[in-house]
Amino acid sequence: MQGYFIRSSRVTPSVYFNPKKELLDLRGKSSPENPLNFYGSLLLNVDRYAESHAGNITVNLAFEYFNTSSSKCIFNLLRKLDNINQLGKRVIVNWYHENDDEDMLEAGEDFSSFFGYEFNFVSVPVINSLGEETEKEPQLNAA
């Protein structure tokens, strides 16, 4: 299975998916007019990963903001990760939030309450999207 990278836009987060490294990273703002257009292929790729890959997965979610319709897609992503967890694979979600963003922390805590896999909450000074200059692998602090 091939990985891929999508640069962030004004209304969509960056997406870095590397199946070989068992890593998925989303960062930035999420308020596309039609989030299913943006998240649909990601959700399909997570399903494919579950079907074709025997490994675990670490997911870094670092949102500055997401709207209500994006939250439904994020929930669907987390539910698909739960399917991977049910296969006996280790799923780790690192939920990054800015130091003073209590709403984003609370959103992550709310999401985590629905699932039985590991959620780590990491406070950072600022959320940056990937790909402004290069397409490097994400370098968030390990939780």
C-alpha atoms as a PDB file:
ATOM      1  CA  MET A   1       0.000   0.000   0.000  1.00  0.00           C
ATOM      2  CA  GLN A   2       1.284   3.426  -0.995  1.00  0.00           C
ATOM      3  CA  GLY A   3       1.413   6.402   1.300  1.00  0.00           C
ATOM      4  CA  TYR A   4       0.685   9.962   0.308  1.00  0.00           C
ATOM      5  CA  PHE A   5       0.866  13.584   1.320  1.00  0.00           C
ATOM      6  CA  ILE A   6      -1.705  16.353   0.839  1.00  0.00           C
ATOM      7  CA  ARG A   7      -0.713  19.930   1.540  1.00  0.00           C
ATOM      8  CA  SER A   8      -2.985  21.979   3.734  1.00  0.00           C
ATOM      9  CA  SER A   9      -5.160  24.680   2.271  1.00  0.00           C
ATOM     10  CA  ARG A  10      -7.018  27.561   3.829  1.00  0.00           C
ATOM     11  CA  VAL A  11      -9.873  25.164   4.716  1.00  0.00           C
ATOM     12  CA  THR A  12      -8.313  21.671   4.811  1.00  0.00           C
ATOM     13  CA  PRO A  13      -5.609  20.097   6.979  1.00  0.00           C
ATOM     14  CA  SER A  14      -2.403  18.571   5.731  1.00  0.00           C
ATOM     15  CA  VAL A  15      -2.530  14.780   5.506  1.00  0.00           C
ATOM     16  CA  TYR A  16       0.542  12.568   5.740  1.00  0.00           C
ATOM     17  CA  PHE A  17      -0.114   8.842   5.507  1.00  0.00           C
ATOM     18  CA  ASN A  18       2.815   6.414   5.609  1.00  0.00           C
ATOM     19  CA  PRO A  19       1.615   2.799   5.918  1.00  0.00           C
ATOM     20  CA  LYS A  20       5.182   1.455   6.092  1.00  0.00           C
ATOM     21  CA  LYS A  21       5.835   3.563   9.188  1.00  0.00           C
ATOM     22  CA  GLU A  22       2.321   2.886  10.509  1.00  0.00           C
ATOM     23  CA  LEU A  23       1.660   6.629  10.713  1.00  0.00           C
ATOM     24  CA  LEU A  24      -1.200   8.967   9.830  1.00  0.00           C
ATOM     25  CA  ASP A  25      -0.893  12.689  10.544  1.00  0.00           C
ATOM     26  CA  LEU A  26      -3.547  15.406  10.055  1.00  0.00           C
ATOM     27  CA  ARG A  27      -2.816  19.036  10.940  1.00  0.00           C
ATOM     28  CA  GLY A  28      -4.367  22.427  10.473  1.00  0.00           C
ATOM     29  CA  LYS A  29      -7.862  23.782   9.916  1.00  0.00           C
ATOM     30  CA  SER A  30     -10.783  21.720   8.677  1.00  0.00           C
ATOM     31  CA  SER A  31     -13.779  23.612   7.351  1.00  0.00           C
ATOM     32  CA  PRO A  32     -14.270  22.493   3.748  1.00  0.00           C
ATOM     33  CA  GLU A  33     -17.628  23.193   2.168  1.00  0.00           C
ATOM     34  CA  ASN A  34     -18.074  19.478   1.507  1.00  0.00           C
ATOM     35  CA  PRO A  35     -15.926  17.522   3.990  1.00  0.00           C
ATOM     36  CA  LEU A  36     -16.945  14.172   2.486  1.00  0.00           C
ATOM     37  CA  ASN A  37     -15.088  15.150  -0.686  1.00  0.00           C
ATOM     38  CA  PHE A  38     -11.956  15.768   1.354  1.00  0.00           C
ATOM     39  CA  TYR A  39     -12.206  12.972   3.935  1.00  0.00           C
ATOM     40  CA  GLY A  40     -13.780  10.323   1.696  1.00  0.00           C
ATOM     41  CA  SER A  41     -10.531   9.079   0.165  1.00  0.00           C
ATOM     42  CA  LEU A  42      -8.791   9.146   3.549  1.00  0.00           C
ATOM     43  CA  LEU A  43     -11.528   7.021   5.098  1.00  0.00           C
ATOM     44  CA  LEU A  44     -11.305   4.590   2.183  1.00  0.00           C
ATOM     45  CA  ASN A  45      -7.527   4.359   2.597  1.00  0.00           C
ATOM     46  CA  VAL A  46      -7.872   3.632   6.312  1.00  0.00           C
ATOM     47  CA  ASP A  47     -10.236   0.779   5.408  1.00  0.00           C
ATOM     48  CA  ARG A  48      -7.707  -0.520   2.884  1.00  0.00           C
ATOM     49  CA  TYR A  49      -4.964  -0.258   5.483  1.00  0.00           C
ATOM     50  CA  ALA A  50      -7.024  -2.325   7.906  1.00  0.00           C
ATOM     51  CA  GLU A  51      -7.663  -4.968   5.250  1.00  0.00           C
ATOM     52  CA  SER A  52      -4.133  -5.200   3.873  1.00  0.00           C
ATOM     53  CA  HIS A  53      -1.765  -4.357   6.697  1.00  0.00           C
ATOM     54  CA  ALA A  54      -0.901  -6.492   9.681  1.00  0.00           C
ATOM     55  CA  GLY A  55       0.612  -3.626  11.672  1.00  0.00           C
ATOM     56  CA  ASN A  56      -0.412  -1.122  14.251  1.00  0.00           C
ATOM     57  CA  ILE A  57      -1.056   2.562  13.616  1.00  0.00           C
ATOM     58  CA  THR A  58      -0.238   5.862  15.293  1.00  0.00           C
ATOM     59  CA  VAL A  59      -2.447   8.788  14.376  1.00  0.00           C
ATOM     60  CA  ASN A  60      -1.466  12.374  15.105  1.00  0.00           C
ATOM     61  CA  LEU A  61      -4.412  14.770  15.040  1.00  0.00           C
ATOM     62  CA  ALA A  62      -3.471  18.426  15.406  1.00  0.00           C
ATOM     63  CA  PHE A  63      -6.345  20.715  14.523  1.00  0.00           C
ATOM     64  CA  GLU A  64      -6.390  24.472  14.939  1.00  0.00           C
ATOM     65  CA  TYR A  65     -10.099  24.402  14.185  1.00  0.00           C
ATOM     66  CA  PHE A  66     -12.731  22.125  12.697  1.00  0.00           C
ATOM     67  CA  ASN A  67     -16.360  22.798  11.898  1.00  0.00           C
ATOM     68  CA  THR A  68     -19.339  20.591  12.776  1.00  0.00           C
ATOM     69  CA  SER A  69     -19.436  18.720   9.476  1.00  0.00           C
ATOM     70  CA  SER A  70     -15.700  18.014   9.732  1.00  0.00           C
ATOM     71  CA  SER A  71     -16.217  16.683  13.259  1.00  0.00           C
ATOM     72  CA  LYS A  72     -18.504  14.006  11.819  1.00  0.00           C
ATOM     73  CA  CYS A  73     -15.755  12.936   9.423  1.00  0.00           C
ATOM     74  CA  ILE A  74     -13.177  12.952  12.226  1.00  0.00           C
ATOM     75  CA  PHE A  75     -15.503  10.766  14.285  1.00  0.00           C
ATOM     76  CA  ASN A  76     -15.851   8.394  11.309  1.00  0.00           C
ATOM     77  CA  LEU A  77     -12.059   8.241  11.039  1.00  0.00           C
ATOM     78  CA  LEU A  78     -11.788   7.395  14.738  1.00  0.00           C
ATOM     79  CA  ARG A  79     -14.479   4.735  14.328  1.00  0.00           C
ATOM     80  CA  LYS A  80     -12.498   3.154  11.485  1.00  0.00           C
ATOM     81  CA  LEU A  81      -9.465   3.134  13.775  1.00  0.00           C
ATOM     82  CA  ASP A  82     -11.614   1.291  16.294  1.00  0.00           C
ATOM     83  CA  ASN A  83     -12.116  -1.400  13.629  1.00  0.00           C
ATOM     84  CA  ILE A  84      -8.327  -1.758  13.439  1.00  0.00           C
ATOM     85  CA  ASN A  85      -8.203  -1.973  17.230  1.00  0.00           C
ATOM     86  CA  GLN A  86     -10.856  -4.723  17.157  1.00  0.00           C
ATOM     87  CA  LEU A  87      -8.530  -6.724  14.872  1.00  0.00           C
ATOM     88  CA  GLY A  88      -6.068  -6.866  17.763  1.00  0.00           C
ATOM     89  CA  LYS A  89      -3.794  -4.120  16.410  1.00  0.00           C
ATOM     90  CA  ARG A  90      -2.450  -1.328  18.562  1.00  0.00           C
ATOM     91  CA  VAL A  91      -4.011   2.042  17.803  1.00  0.00           C
ATOM     92  CA  ILE A  92      -2.580   5.196  19.338  1.00  0.00           C
ATOM     93  CA  VAL A  93      -4.124   8.614  18.805  1.00  0.00           C
ATOM     94  CA  ASN A  94      -2.059  11.632  19.770  1.00  0.00           C
ATOM     95  CA  TRP A  95      -4.471  14.562  20.053  1.00  0.00           C
ATOM     96  CA  TYR A  96      -2.511  17.819  19.846  1.00  0.00           C
ATOM     97  CA  HIS A  97      -4.032  21.094  20.991  1.00  0.00           C
ATOM     98  CA  GLU A  98      -2.619  24.539  21.511  1.00  0.00           C
ATOM     99  CA  ASN A  99      -1.732  25.406  25.106  1.00  0.00           C
ATOM    100  CA  ASP A 100      -4.649  27.770  25.626  1.00  0.00           C
ATOM    101  CA  ASP A 101      -7.242  25.968  23.478  1.00  0.00           C
ATOM    102  CA  GLU A 102      -9.529  24.338  26.034  1.00  0.00           C
ATOM    103  CA  ASP A 103     -12.236  23.759  23.400  1.00  0.00           C
ATOM    104  CA  MET A 104      -9.947  21.613  21.241  1.00  0.00           C
ATOM    105  CA  LEU A 105      -8.766  19.649  24.280  1.00  0.00           C
ATOM    106  CA  GLU A 106     -12.379  19.063  25.282  1.00  0.00           C
ATOM    107  CA  ALA A 107     -13.268  17.952  21.753  1.00  0.00           C
ATOM    108  CA  GLY A 108     -10.494  15.351  21.886  1.00  0.00           C
ATOM    109  CA  GLU A 109     -11.631  14.178  25.299  1.00  0.00           C
ATOM    110  CA  ASP A 110     -15.185  13.853  24.002  1.00  0.00           C
ATOM    111  CA  PHE A 111     -14.017  11.799  21.000  1.00  0.00           C
ATOM    112  CA  SER A 112     -11.841   9.581  23.196  1.00  0.00           C
ATOM    113  CA  SER A 113     -14.788   8.683  25.415  1.00  0.00           C
ATOM    114  CA  PHE A 114     -16.316   6.658  22.556  1.00  0.00           C
ATOM    115  CA  PHE A 115     -13.320   4.414  21.930  1.00  0.00           C
ATOM    116  CA  GLY A 116     -11.234   1.924  23.880  1.00  0.00           C
ATOM    117  CA  TYR A 117      -7.862   2.540  22.298  1.00  0.00           C
ATOM    118  CA  GLU A 118      -5.081   4.794  23.554  1.00  0.00           C
ATOM    119  CA  PHE A 119      -5.561   8.567  23.365  1.00  0.00           C
ATOM    120  CA  ASN A 120      -2.751  10.884  24.397  1.00  0.00           C
ATOM    121  CA  PHE A 121      -3.410  14.604  24.863  1.00  0.00           C
ATOM    122  CA  VAL A 122      -0.459  16.812  24.015  1.00  0.00           C
ATOM    123  CA  SER A 123      -0.361  20.550  24.597  1.00  0.00           C
ATOM    124  CA  VAL A 124       1.839  22.506  22.156  1.00  0.00           C
ATOM    125  CA  PRO A 125       2.503  26.237  21.708  1.00  0.00           C
ATOM    126  CA  VAL A 126       1.179  26.321  18.132  1.00  0.00           C
ATOM    127  CA  ILE A 127      -0.302  23.948  15.554  1.00  0.00           C
ATOM    128  CA  ASN A 128       1.494  24.045  12.203  1.00  0.00           C
ATOM    129  CA  SER A 129       0.431  22.343   9.003  1.00  0.00           C
ATOM    130  CA  LEU A 130       2.886  20.280   7.024  1.00  0.00           C
ATOM    131  CA  GLY A 131       4.171  21.220   3.607  1.00  0.00           C
ATOM    132  CA  GLU A 132       4.747  24.951   3.644  1.00  0.00           C
ATOM    133  CA  GLU A 133       8.232  24.444   2.233  1.00  0.00           C
ATOM    134  CA  THR A 134       8.963  20.713   2.015  1.00  0.00           C
ATOM    135  CA  GLU A 135       7.180  17.401   2.275  1.00  0.00           C
ATOM    136  CA  LYS A 136       9.047  16.129   5.312  1.00  0.00           C
ATOM    137  CA  GLU A 137       7.805  13.505   7.691  1.00  0.00           C
ATOM    138  CA  PRO A 138       6.036  15.053  10.670  1.00  0.00           C
ATOM    139  CA  GLN A 139       8.171  15.839  13.695  1.00  0.00           C
ATOM    140  CA  LEU A 140       5.722  16.250  16.564  1.00  0.00           C
ATOM    141  CA  ASN A 141       6.966  15.553  20.044  1.00  0.00           C
ATOM    142  CA  ALA A 142       6.307  11.947  21.040  1.00  0.00           C
ATOM    143  CA  ALA A 143       3.668  11.586  23.665  1.00  0.00           C
END
